[in-house]
Amino acid sequence: MKRILLALLFTLPALFVSGQINDSGVLRLLKARQQLKGLDKQELRLKQDLKLLEKSISSQSSTPKDATTKQKLDSMVLHSWSGAAWEKTSKDAYVYDAGGKCTTVTYYELDINTNKLANKSKDEYTYNANGKWDVATSFNWNSTNSTWVSDLKQEFTYNSGGYATQIINSKWFSNINQWINDTKFDLTYNADNTLKEFLVSSYNIANSTWDKSTKYDYTYTNGVPTQMLASSWDKEGSQWTESMKYVYEYNAGGKLIREISSIWAETDWMFMMKYEFTYDANNRIATETTFTWNALTNWGNTAMYEQKYDANGNNTEYYTYKWENSQWMKQTKEVTDFDLNYAYTDLILPSVYYVTFLPYGSLVTSGVLNKPLQDTEYDWNAGASDWSNKSKTIYYYSAGTGTGVVEQKADDASAITIYPNPVTNAFNLNTSEANVQIYVFDLSGSLLLSKQISGSDPVDVSFLSGGVYMAKIVTDKGSVTRKFVKR
């Protein structure tokens, strides 16, 4: 997976969010997140390159696409290659409001005991009057009690220009049934809305105070970021101590061509990493090469990433290489299939917000111009001198309004019906699908029930008052919406 996009991904849990991601990266971000689910969050933070903290904040200009004529991403299903066949390993399912904003993301993973996809975690989002994230809450599934358990909460504050000025992260403590502050991010800006300072504080439960932790200061030349300086708070000396420095270089066209990171070694700066970028004739990123400083006098090759595009500009191939035995050795390949008859702008996708990297905004060029259908990843088999299947992600879409109250009936899901109808206490589905996600809405589009079942399981709706409702039924083969009457 692309390092830049993974960088965005890793920043979501560590730094949280405030701008809306460029369309060219949303699906790959979602896929990357899906593939890395289940890894310990602290491990992810430790593994992330410190350079991920280079960022400014983009104003959140949330403009949901017209939900009446566009296709909506309902789910992504990840398969792994067993050596003989593709096997489902996880799924992400998305729910939207009437305006096309994503309100719920549910993650499923394969339960080895039942060999079925089971609830793993869930994120829920609320929006303020300006359409920006207000509160984002994460839950984990308690399989013993069959309930969702609160985990993390993020609360956002913005200035009059729509830029995030403060993000507070809290953790849920079930033993006292209370949210406790954990981390706070304070952001200040220059007059041109570029990020000036990014301050991270940790909550001191004993003293009920916020303790300074890390600070990032940004330097610009003619509005272009040229340096980011990271400092750590010295409690004993009550002062900031420089720790990391990142320097950026550009070509005549304003494209980032080089970044060098250094660490403060008591008396001087010592090189750590270098990243160099090249571009094709259409100014799309072609290669990224990473180097590590050997602590003597030169840089050593580490890894290289190569991207290829089709005639429309879609990023169809992505290769990774490792430097071994004084040459570049193939590692992985990712191939993306597109529906060229459907434009990317005709899609409704989950809202993915992020802190814009400095200066990585110049790197995010058009890489997805049409409708993605499937990503397939391969490992290089040196012994066979060929590519071996690794994993694939299939994207499932439907048409209609954001809530799914009006849905296009997929060919292989159109036969699903609800019975009995009218419903007294529960209804059934005439499907043999093993993994079915049910969403029940009232006629205003409000979500009343979200539940995963086997196709043969009854759906309890005894809690509903009498009236007319809509049930969205999502399987791995498609989705359909059915109307039912509750007695």
Protein backbone atom coordinates (compact mmCIF):
# COMPACT_ATOMS: atom_id res chain seq x y z
CA MET A 1 0.00 0.00 0.00
CA LYS A 2 1.25 3.47 -0.79
CA ARG A 3 3.33 4.99 1.99
CA ILE A 4 1.71 8.38 1.61
CA LEU A 5 -1.76 6.96 1.95
CA LEU A 6 -0.74 4.76 4.85
CA ALA A 7 0.70 7.88 6.41
CA LEU A 8 -2.73 9.44 6.26
CA LEU A 9 -4.24 6.30 7.69
CA PHE A 10 -1.90 6.07 10.64
CA THR A 11 -2.50 9.71 11.47
CA LEU A 12 -6.24 9.12 11.92
CA PRO A 13 -5.95 7.41 15.32
CA ALA A 14 -2.86 9.27 16.43
CA LEU A 15 -3.59 12.84 15.43
CA PHE A 16 -7.24 12.78 14.42
CA VAL A 17 -8.80 14.84 11.76
CA SER A 18 -9.92 18.17 10.40
CA GLY A 19 -9.89 18.39 6.62
CA GLN A 20 -11.59 16.37 3.93
CA ILE A 21 -9.33 14.04 2.02
CA ASN A 22 -8.71 14.46 -1.70
CA ASP A 23 -11.01 12.12 -3.64
CA SER A 24 -8.04 10.36 -5.23
CA GLY A 25 -7.13 8.71 -1.94
CA VAL A 26 -10.37 7.82 -0.15
CA LEU A 27 -10.83 4.24 -1.32
CA ARG A 28 -7.21 3.28 -0.80
CA LEU A 29 -7.30 4.79 2.67
CA LEU A 30 -10.39 2.77 3.49
CA LYS A 31 -8.79 -0.37 2.15
CA ALA A 32 -5.55 0.26 4.04
CA ARG A 33 -7.48 0.77 7.24
CA GLN A 34 -9.42 -2.41 6.61
CA GLN A 35 -6.29 -4.47 6.06
CA LEU A 36 -4.64 -3.18 9.23
CA LYS A 37 -7.65 -3.60 11.52
CA GLY A 38 -6.92 -5.83 14.46
CA LEU A 39 -3.38 -4.55 14.96
CA ASP A 40 -2.73 -2.98 18.33
CA LYS A 41 -3.25 0.77 18.15
CA GLN A 42 -0.17 1.49 20.21
CA GLU A 43 1.89 -0.72 17.91
CA LEU A 44 0.64 1.27 14.94
CA ARG A 45 1.69 4.49 16.59
CA LEU A 46 5.15 3.15 17.36
CA LYS A 47 5.58 1.92 13.80
CA GLN A 48 4.54 5.13 12.13
CA ASP A 49 7.34 7.24 10.72
CA LEU A 50 7.79 10.42 12.73
CA LYS A 51 7.50 12.32 9.50
CA LEU A 52 3.76 11.72 9.55
CA LEU A 53 3.41 14.68 11.86
CA GLU A 54 4.17 17.13 9.04
CA LYS A 55 0.86 18.75 8.35
CA SER A 56 -1.39 21.76 8.19
CA ILE A 57 -5.13 21.87 8.52
CA SER A 58 -7.40 22.11 5.50
CA SER A 59 -10.76 23.77 5.89
CA GLN A 60 -13.51 21.15 5.93
CA SER A 61 -15.56 21.94 2.86
CA SER A 62 -18.01 19.09 3.07
CA THR A 63 -20.16 19.02 -0.06
CA PRO A 64 -22.07 15.72 -0.23
CA LYS A 65 -22.66 14.54 -3.77
CA ASP A 66 -26.17 14.46 -5.23
CA ALA A 67 -27.48 11.22 -3.76
CA THR A 68 -30.31 10.79 -6.25
CA THR A 69 -28.25 9.94 -9.31
CA LYS A 70 -24.92 8.75 -7.95
CA GLN A 71 -23.69 5.36 -6.80
CA LYS A 72 -22.95 4.86 -3.11
CA LEU A 73 -20.22 2.67 -1.67
CA ASP A 74 -22.07 0.26 0.65
CA SER A 75 -19.26 -2.05 1.65
CA MET A 76 -15.77 -3.33 0.94
CA VAL A 77 -14.97 -7.00 1.36
CA LEU A 78 -11.39 -8.16 1.82
CA HIS A 79 -10.35 -11.64 0.68
CA SER A 80 -7.09 -13.44 1.36
CA TRP A 81 -5.55 -16.10 -0.83
CA SER A 82 -5.41 -19.48 0.93
CA GLY A 83 -3.16 -21.06 -1.66
CA ALA A 84 -6.08 -22.62 -3.49
CA ALA A 85 -8.99 -20.17 -3.24
CA TRP A 86 -10.05 -16.70 -2.12
CA GLU A 87 -11.46 -16.56 1.41
CA LYS A 88 -13.33 -13.65 2.99
CA THR A 89 -11.47 -12.21 5.94
CA SER A 90 -13.12 -8.87 6.75
CA LYS A 91 -15.72 -6.35 5.64
CA ASP A 92 -16.42 -2.65 6.12
CA ALA A 93 -20.06 -1.51 5.81
CA TYR A 94 -21.15 2.13 5.54
CA VAL A 95 -24.39 3.94 6.46
CA TYR A 96 -25.15 7.47 5.25
CA ASP A 97 -27.68 10.12 6.18
CA ALA A 98 -30.08 11.71 3.71
CA GLY A 99 -27.42 14.23 2.68
CA GLY A 100 -24.85 11.60 1.82
CA LYS A 101 -22.69 12.04 4.94
CA CYS A 102 -21.38 8.84 6.48
CA THR A 103 -22.83 8.34 9.95
CA THR A 104 -21.77 4.77 10.77
CA VAL A 105 -18.93 2.50 9.73
CA THR A 106 -19.08 -1.09 10.95
CA TYR A 107 -16.07 -3.41 10.71
CA TYR A 108 -16.37 -7.19 10.57
CA GLU A 109 -13.69 -9.86 10.82
CA LEU A 110 -13.73 -13.58 10.23
CA ASP A 111 -14.62 -15.61 13.32
CA ILE A 112 -12.51 -18.76 13.04
CA ASN A 113 -14.95 -20.63 15.30
CA THR A 114 -18.02 -20.04 13.14
CA ASN A 115 -16.23 -19.30 9.87
CA LYS A 116 -18.49 -16.26 9.49
CA LEU A 117 -17.85 -12.54 9.47
CA ALA A 118 -18.62 -11.15 12.92
CA ASN A 119 -18.85 -7.67 14.45
CA LYS A 120 -15.45 -6.26 15.39
CA SER A 121 -15.71 -2.50 15.86
CA LYS A 122 -17.85 0.47 14.88
CA ASP A 123 -17.39 4.22 14.36
CA GLU A 124 -20.25 6.70 14.61
CA TYR A 125 -20.12 10.34 13.49
CA THR A 126 -22.22 13.41 14.23
CA TYR A 127 -21.93 16.70 12.36
CA ASN A 128 -22.28 20.34 13.35
CA ALA A 129 -24.47 22.90 11.61
CA ASN A 130 -21.70 23.56 9.08
CA GLY A 131 -21.47 19.91 8.07
CA LYS A 132 -18.17 19.27 9.85
CA TRP A 133 -17.41 16.51 12.29
CA ASP A 134 -18.69 17.37 15.75
CA VAL A 135 -18.14 14.11 17.65
CA ALA A 136 -16.64 10.83 16.43
CA THR A 137 -17.13 7.80 18.69
CA SER A 138 -15.57 4.36 18.39
CA PHE A 139 -17.00 1.13 19.82
CA ASN A 140 -15.74 -2.44 20.21
CA TRP A 141 -17.98 -5.49 19.98
CA ASN A 142 -18.42 -7.54 23.15
CA SER A 143 -19.20 -11.01 21.79
CA THR A 144 -19.99 -12.36 25.26
CA ASN A 145 -22.81 -9.89 25.88
CA SER A 146 -23.55 -9.19 22.20
CA THR A 147 -23.31 -5.45 22.83
CA TRP A 148 -21.27 -2.51 21.57
CA VAL A 149 -18.87 -1.11 24.18
CA SER A 150 -17.63 2.49 24.01
CA ASP A 151 -13.92 2.86 23.35
CA LEU A 152 -12.74 6.28 22.11
CA LYS A 153 -14.33 9.68 21.53
CA GLN A 154 -13.07 12.70 19.59
CA GLU A 155 -14.60 16.17 19.96
CA PHE A 156 -13.81 18.99 17.54
CA THR A 157 -13.69 22.78 17.85
CA TYR A 158 -13.32 25.12 14.84
CA ASN A 159 -12.60 28.76 14.17
CA SER A 160 -14.80 31.04 12.07
CA GLY A 161 -12.96 29.97 8.93
CA GLY A 162 -13.82 26.31 9.45
CA TYR A 163 -10.35 25.21 10.55
CA ALA A 164 -9.96 22.88 13.52
CA THR A 165 -8.41 24.68 16.49
CA GLN A 166 -8.78 21.97 19.09
CA ILE A 167 -9.39 18.21 19.12
CA ILE A 168 -9.90 16.38 22.40
CA ASN A 169 -9.58 12.62 22.58
CA SER A 170 -11.20 10.71 25.45
CA LYS A 171 -11.23 7.08 26.52
CA TRP A 172 -14.16 5.19 27.99
CA PHE A 173 -13.62 3.59 31.41
CA SER A 174 -16.29 0.91 31.82
CA ASN A 175 -15.54 0.38 35.53
CA ILE A 176 -16.81 3.88 36.29
CA ASN A 177 -19.01 4.34 33.18
CA GLN A 178 -17.32 7.59 32.33
CA TRP A 179 -15.30 9.29 29.59
CA ILE A 180 -11.84 10.39 30.75
CA ASN A 181 -9.71 12.89 28.84
CA ASP A 182 -6.65 11.41 27.17
CA THR A 183 -5.01 13.66 24.57
CA LYS A 184 -5.55 17.22 23.35
CA PHE A 185 -4.42 18.85 20.11
CA ASP A 186 -4.29 22.65 19.85
CA LEU A 187 -3.66 24.25 16.47
CA THR A 188 -2.83 27.84 15.51
CA TYR A 189 -2.62 29.33 12.03
CA ASN A 190 -0.92 32.04 10.04
CA ALA A 191 -2.92 34.79 8.33
CA ASP A 192 -3.11 32.69 5.13
CA ASN A 193 -4.55 29.73 7.10
CA THR A 194 -1.38 27.67 6.89
CA LEU A 195 -0.57 25.81 10.09
CA LYS A 196 1.74 27.73 12.41
CA GLU A 197 1.92 25.47 15.45
CA PHE A 198 0.56 22.07 16.44
CA LEU A 199 0.62 21.39 20.21
CA VAL A 200 -0.01 17.96 21.74
CA SER A 201 -0.92 17.62 25.43
CA SER A 202 -1.60 14.59 27.60
CA TYR A 203 -4.20 14.53 30.37
CA ASN A 204 -2.91 14.18 33.93
CA ILE A 205 -5.68 12.32 35.75
CA ALA A 206 -4.10 12.80 39.17
CA ASN A 207 -3.98 16.60 38.84
CA SER A 208 -6.88 17.00 36.38
CA THR A 209 -4.61 19.09 34.16
CA TRP A 210 -3.26 19.01 30.62
CA ASP A 211 0.50 18.44 30.47
CA LYS A 212 2.47 19.63 27.43
CA SER A 213 4.02 16.82 25.43
CA THR A 214 5.12 17.67 21.88
CA LYS A 215 5.10 20.78 19.68
CA TYR A 216 5.52 21.19 15.91
CA ASP A 217 6.48 24.55 14.42
CA TYR A 218 6.29 25.23 10.66
CA THR A 219 8.40 27.53 8.50
CA TYR A 220 7.31 28.77 5.06
CA THR A 221 8.99 30.48 2.12
CA ASN A 222 6.59 32.35 -0.17
CA GLY A 223 3.75 30.35 1.32
CA VAL A 224 5.46 26.99 0.73
CA PRO A 225 6.49 24.83 3.72
CA THR A 226 10.26 24.44 3.88
CA GLN A 227 10.81 23.16 7.42
CA MET A 228 9.01 21.55 10.33
CA LEU A 229 10.64 21.52 13.76
CA ALA A 230 9.51 19.06 16.45
CA SER A 231 10.19 19.78 20.12
CA SER A 232 9.59 17.84 23.33
CA TRP A 233 8.59 19.42 26.62
CA ASP A 234 11.27 19.19 29.33
CA LYS A 235 9.36 19.08 32.61
CA GLU A 236 12.43 19.55 34.78
CA GLY A 237 13.69 22.53 32.82
CA SER A 238 10.18 23.80 32.02
CA GLN A 239 11.18 24.45 28.42
CA TRP A 240 10.89 23.04 24.90
CA THR A 241 13.80 20.91 23.66
CA GLU A 242 14.35 20.42 19.92
CA SER A 243 14.16 16.76 18.88
CA MET A 244 13.41 16.37 15.14
CA LYS A 245 13.72 18.49 12.00
CA TYR A 246 12.25 18.00 8.52
CA VAL A 247 13.44 19.98 5.50
CA TYR A 248 11.58 20.08 2.15
CA GLU A 249 12.91 20.83 -1.34
CA TYR A 250 10.92 21.52 -4.54
CA ASN A 251 11.48 21.63 -8.27
CA ALA A 252 10.83 24.68 -10.47
CA GLY A 253 7.20 23.61 -10.89
CA GLY A 254 6.57 23.58 -7.16
CA LYS A 255 6.52 19.80 -6.80
CA LEU A 256 8.11 18.22 -3.76
CA ILE A 257 11.24 16.37 -4.89
CA ARG A 258 13.07 15.74 -1.64
CA GLU A 259 12.53 15.57 2.11
CA ILE A 260 15.25 15.05 4.70
CA SER A 261 14.63 14.28 8.36
CA SER A 262 17.22 14.78 11.09
CA ILE A 263 17.41 14.10 14.81
CA TRP A 264 19.05 16.36 17.39
CA ALA A 265 22.13 14.60 18.78
CA GLU A 266 22.89 16.79 21.82
CA THR A 267 25.18 19.20 19.97
CA ASP A 268 24.20 18.95 16.29
CA TRP A 269 21.63 17.62 13.84
CA MET A 270 22.21 14.09 12.51
CA PHE A 271 20.55 12.82 9.30
CA MET A 272 17.99 10.02 9.59
CA MET A 273 15.86 9.53 6.48
CA LYS A 274 15.59 10.94 2.98
CA TYR A 275 12.69 10.67 0.52
CA GLU A 276 13.01 11.56 -3.16
CA PHE A 277 10.12 11.85 -5.63
CA THR A 278 9.87 11.82 -9.43
CA TYR A 279 6.92 12.66 -11.66
CA ASP A 280 5.69 11.59 -15.08
CA ALA A 281 4.97 13.87 -18.05
CA ASN A 282 1.51 14.60 -16.60
CA ASN A 283 2.94 15.67 -13.22
CA ARG A 284 1.64 12.52 -11.53
CA ILE A 285 3.92 10.94 -8.98
CA ALA A 286 5.93 8.17 -10.65
CA THR A 287 8.40 6.98 -8.02
CA GLU A 288 9.28 7.52 -4.40
CA THR A 289 12.66 6.34 -3.14
CA THR A 290 13.64 6.15 0.53
CA PHE A 291 17.16 6.31 1.93
CA THR A 292 18.64 5.89 5.40
CA TRP A 293 21.76 7.65 6.67
CA ASN A 294 24.49 5.14 7.49
CA ALA A 295 25.89 7.38 10.26
CA LEU A 296 29.12 7.80 8.30
CA THR A 297 29.14 9.87 5.15
CA ASN A 298 26.45 8.70 2.72
CA TRP A 299 22.87 7.68 2.10
CA GLY A 300 21.90 4.04 1.53
CA ASN A 301 18.97 2.90 -0.61
CA THR A 302 16.12 1.35 1.38
CA ALA A 303 12.90 1.05 -0.61
CA MET A 304 11.25 2.28 -3.79
CA TYR A 305 7.60 2.68 -4.78
CA GLU A 306 6.45 2.93 -8.39
CA GLN A 307 3.05 3.97 -9.75
CA LYS A 308 1.57 3.47 -13.23
CA TYR A 309 -1.56 4.97 -14.79
CA ASP A 310 -4.01 4.18 -17.58
CA ALA A 311 -4.95 6.56 -20.41
CA ASN A 312 -7.64 8.14 -18.22
CA GLY A 313 -5.18 8.85 -15.42
CA ASN A 314 -6.35 6.11 -13.05
CA ASN A 315 -3.63 4.66 -10.84
CA THR A 316 -3.90 1.06 -12.09
CA GLU A 317 -0.60 -0.43 -10.88
CA TYR A 318 1.53 0.09 -7.81
CA TYR A 319 4.86 -1.69 -7.15
CA THR A 320 7.14 -1.88 -4.12
CA TYR A 321 10.85 -2.73 -4.20
CA LYS A 322 13.50 -3.42 -1.58
CA TRP A 323 17.22 -2.71 -2.01
CA GLU A 324 19.15 -5.98 -1.73
CA ASN A 325 22.51 -7.11 -3.08
CA SER A 326 23.08 -3.71 -4.70
CA GLN A 327 19.88 -3.89 -6.77
CA TRP A 328 16.16 -3.27 -6.53
CA MET A 329 14.23 -6.46 -5.77
CA LYS A 330 10.49 -6.76 -6.43
CA GLN A 331 8.31 -7.12 -3.34
CA THR A 332 4.63 -6.50 -4.02
CA LYS A 333 2.26 -5.41 -6.79
CA GLU A 334 -1.24 -3.97 -6.56
CA VAL A 335 -3.58 -3.82 -9.56
CA THR A 336 -6.81 -1.81 -9.50
CA ASP A 337 -9.67 -2.44 -11.93
CA PHE A 338 -11.97 0.45 -12.88
CA ASP A 339 -15.35 0.91 -14.52
CA LEU A 340 -14.40 3.49 -17.15
CA ASN A 341 -18.06 4.22 -17.90
CA TYR A 342 -18.61 5.70 -14.45
CA ALA A 343 -16.80 8.81 -13.18
CA TYR A 344 -15.31 8.96 -9.69
CA THR A 345 -17.25 12.18 -9.07
CA ASP A 346 -20.43 10.15 -9.51
CA LEU A 347 -19.74 8.21 -6.30
CA ILE A 348 -20.95 8.74 -2.76
CA LEU A 349 -18.17 7.73 -0.37
CA PRO A 350 -17.64 7.75 3.40
CA SER A 351 -16.34 11.05 4.76
CA VAL A 352 -12.67 10.60 5.54
CA TYR A 353 -11.12 13.59 7.25
CA TYR A 354 -7.47 14.17 7.87
CA VAL A 355 -4.81 16.65 8.81
CA THR A 356 -3.27 17.69 5.50
CA PHE A 357 0.37 16.75 5.32
CA LEU A 358 2.92 19.40 4.66
CA PRO A 359 3.93 19.35 1.95
CA TYR A 360 2.22 16.18 0.79
CA GLY A 361 -0.70 18.09 -0.66
CA SER A 362 1.50 18.54 -3.72
CA LEU A 363 1.89 14.76 -4.00
CA VAL A 364 -1.79 13.86 -4.05
CA THR A 365 -2.51 14.03 -7.74
CA SER A 366 -5.37 12.49 -9.70
CA GLY A 367 -5.06 8.75 -9.35
CA VAL A 368 -8.73 7.73 -9.32
CA LEU A 369 -10.85 9.26 -12.08
CA ASN A 370 -13.29 6.42 -12.62
CA LYS A 371 -15.22 3.95 -10.48
CA PRO A 372 -12.92 1.46 -8.69
CA LEU A 373 -14.18 -2.10 -8.76
CA GLN A 374 -11.46 -4.25 -7.25
CA ASP A 375 -7.91 -4.09 -5.88
CA THR A 376 -5.75 -7.21 -6.14
CA GLU A 377 -2.41 -7.51 -4.35
CA TYR A 378 0.41 -9.89 -5.19
CA ASP A 379 3.69 -10.95 -3.61
CA TRP A 380 6.75 -11.56 -5.77
CA ASN A 381 7.72 -15.24 -5.83
CA ALA A 382 11.45 -15.16 -6.53
CA GLY A 383 11.66 -18.92 -6.91
CA ALA A 384 9.03 -19.02 -9.63
CA SER A 385 9.95 -15.58 -11.01
CA ASP A 386 6.28 -14.68 -10.99
CA TRP A 387 3.61 -12.93 -8.94
CA SER A 388 1.57 -14.88 -6.35
CA ASN A 389 -1.92 -13.94 -5.14
CA LYS A 390 -1.99 -12.20 -1.76
CA SER A 391 -5.31 -10.42 -1.20
CA LYS A 392 -8.11 -8.63 -3.00
CA THR A 393 -10.70 -6.07 -2.02
CA ILE A 394 -14.05 -5.86 -3.82
CA TYR A 395 -16.11 -2.65 -3.69
CA TYR A 396 -19.90 -2.97 -3.57
CA TYR A 397 -22.11 -0.07 -4.63
CA SER A 398 -25.79 0.76 -4.82
CA ALA A 399 -27.81 3.71 -6.09
CA GLY A 400 -30.25 6.00 -4.35
CA THR A 401 -30.39 8.45 -1.46
CA GLY A 402 -27.79 8.57 1.24
CA THR A 403 -29.84 6.58 3.73
CA GLY A 404 -30.51 3.82 1.27
CA VAL A 405 -34.27 4.26 1.56
CA VAL A 406 -34.36 4.23 -2.24
CA GLU A 407 -32.01 1.52 -3.49
CA GLN A 408 -31.15 0.00 -6.80
CA LYS A 409 -31.82 -3.72 -6.65
CA ALA A 410 -28.69 -5.69 -7.45
CA ASP A 411 -29.31 -8.60 -9.82
CA ASP A 412 -28.26 -11.19 -7.29
CA ALA A 413 -30.08 -9.60 -4.33
CA SER A 414 -33.35 -8.54 -5.97
CA ALA A 415 -35.14 -11.73 -4.99
CA ILE A 416 -34.81 -11.05 -1.25
CA THR A 417 -38.13 -10.25 0.41
CA ILE A 418 -39.45 -9.73 3.93
CA TYR A 419 -42.04 -12.08 5.43
CA PRO A 420 -44.46 -12.02 7.08
CA ASN A 421 -45.47 -8.52 6.04
CA PRO A 422 -47.20 -6.86 7.92
CA VAL A 423 -44.91 -7.71 10.84
CA THR A 424 -45.99 -8.37 14.41
CA ASN A 425 -42.75 -8.87 16.38
CA ALA A 426 -40.12 -10.16 13.92
CA PHE A 427 -39.62 -10.75 10.21
CA ASN A 428 -37.58 -13.19 8.15
CA LEU A 429 -35.70 -13.03 4.85
CA ASN A 430 -35.87 -15.58 2.06
CA THR A 431 -32.11 -15.76 1.51
CA SER A 432 -29.44 -18.35 2.23
CA GLU A 433 -26.65 -15.76 2.53
CA ALA A 434 -24.54 -16.42 5.62
CA ASN A 435 -23.69 -12.76 6.30
CA VAL A 436 -26.47 -10.19 6.05
CA GLN A 437 -26.45 -6.65 7.42
CA ILE A 438 -29.88 -5.19 8.24
CA TYR A 439 -30.56 -1.45 8.59
CA VAL A 440 -34.07 -0.30 9.55
CA PHE A 441 -35.12 3.33 8.88
CA ASP A 442 -38.27 5.29 9.47
CA LEU A 443 -39.71 7.23 6.54
CA SER A 444 -37.75 10.35 7.53
CA GLY A 445 -34.50 8.41 7.00
CA SER A 446 -33.54 8.04 10.70
CA LEU A 447 -31.62 4.85 11.44
CA LEU A 448 -33.45 2.77 14.07
CA LEU A 449 -31.69 -0.60 13.90
CA SER A 450 -28.36 -1.92 12.64
CA LYS A 451 -27.80 -5.66 12.99
CA GLN A 452 -25.79 -8.41 11.33
CA ILE A 453 -27.50 -11.79 10.95
CA SER A 454 -27.38 -15.02 9.05
CA GLY A 455 -30.02 -15.04 6.33
CA SER A 456 -32.05 -17.61 8.22
CA ASP A 457 -32.21 -15.59 11.47
CA PRO A 458 -35.36 -13.64 12.39
CA VAL A 459 -35.07 -9.87 12.83
CA ASP A 460 -36.67 -8.64 16.04
CA VAL A 461 -38.56 -5.35 15.53
CA SER A 462 -40.90 -5.67 18.50
CA PHE A 463 -39.56 -2.38 19.89
CA LEU A 464 -40.97 -0.42 16.93
CA SER A 465 -44.31 1.32 17.17
CA GLY A 466 -46.94 0.61 14.54
CA GLY A 467 -46.25 2.19 11.14
CA VAL A 468 -44.36 1.92 7.86
CA TYR A 469 -40.58 1.36 7.79
CA MET A 470 -37.80 0.67 5.31
CA ALA A 471 -35.28 -2.17 5.74
CA LYS A 472 -32.02 -2.02 3.85
CA ILE A 473 -30.63 -5.54 3.32
CA VAL A 474 -26.93 -5.76 2.44
CA THR A 475 -25.18 -8.99 1.44
CA ASP A 476 -21.79 -9.61 -0.10
CA LYS A 477 -23.53 -9.84 -3.47
CA GLY A 478 -25.45 -6.59 -3.35
CA SER A 479 -28.10 -4.63 -1.48
CA VAL A 480 -31.83 -4.04 -1.67
CA THR A 481 -34.36 -2.02 0.32
CA ARG A 482 -37.78 -3.34 1.28
CA LYS A 483 -40.78 -1.62 2.83
CA PHE A 484 -42.60 -3.30 5.68
CA VAL A 485 -45.52 -2.50 7.95
CA LYS A 486 -45.26 -2.95 11.72
CA ARG A 487 -48.60 -3.79 13.36
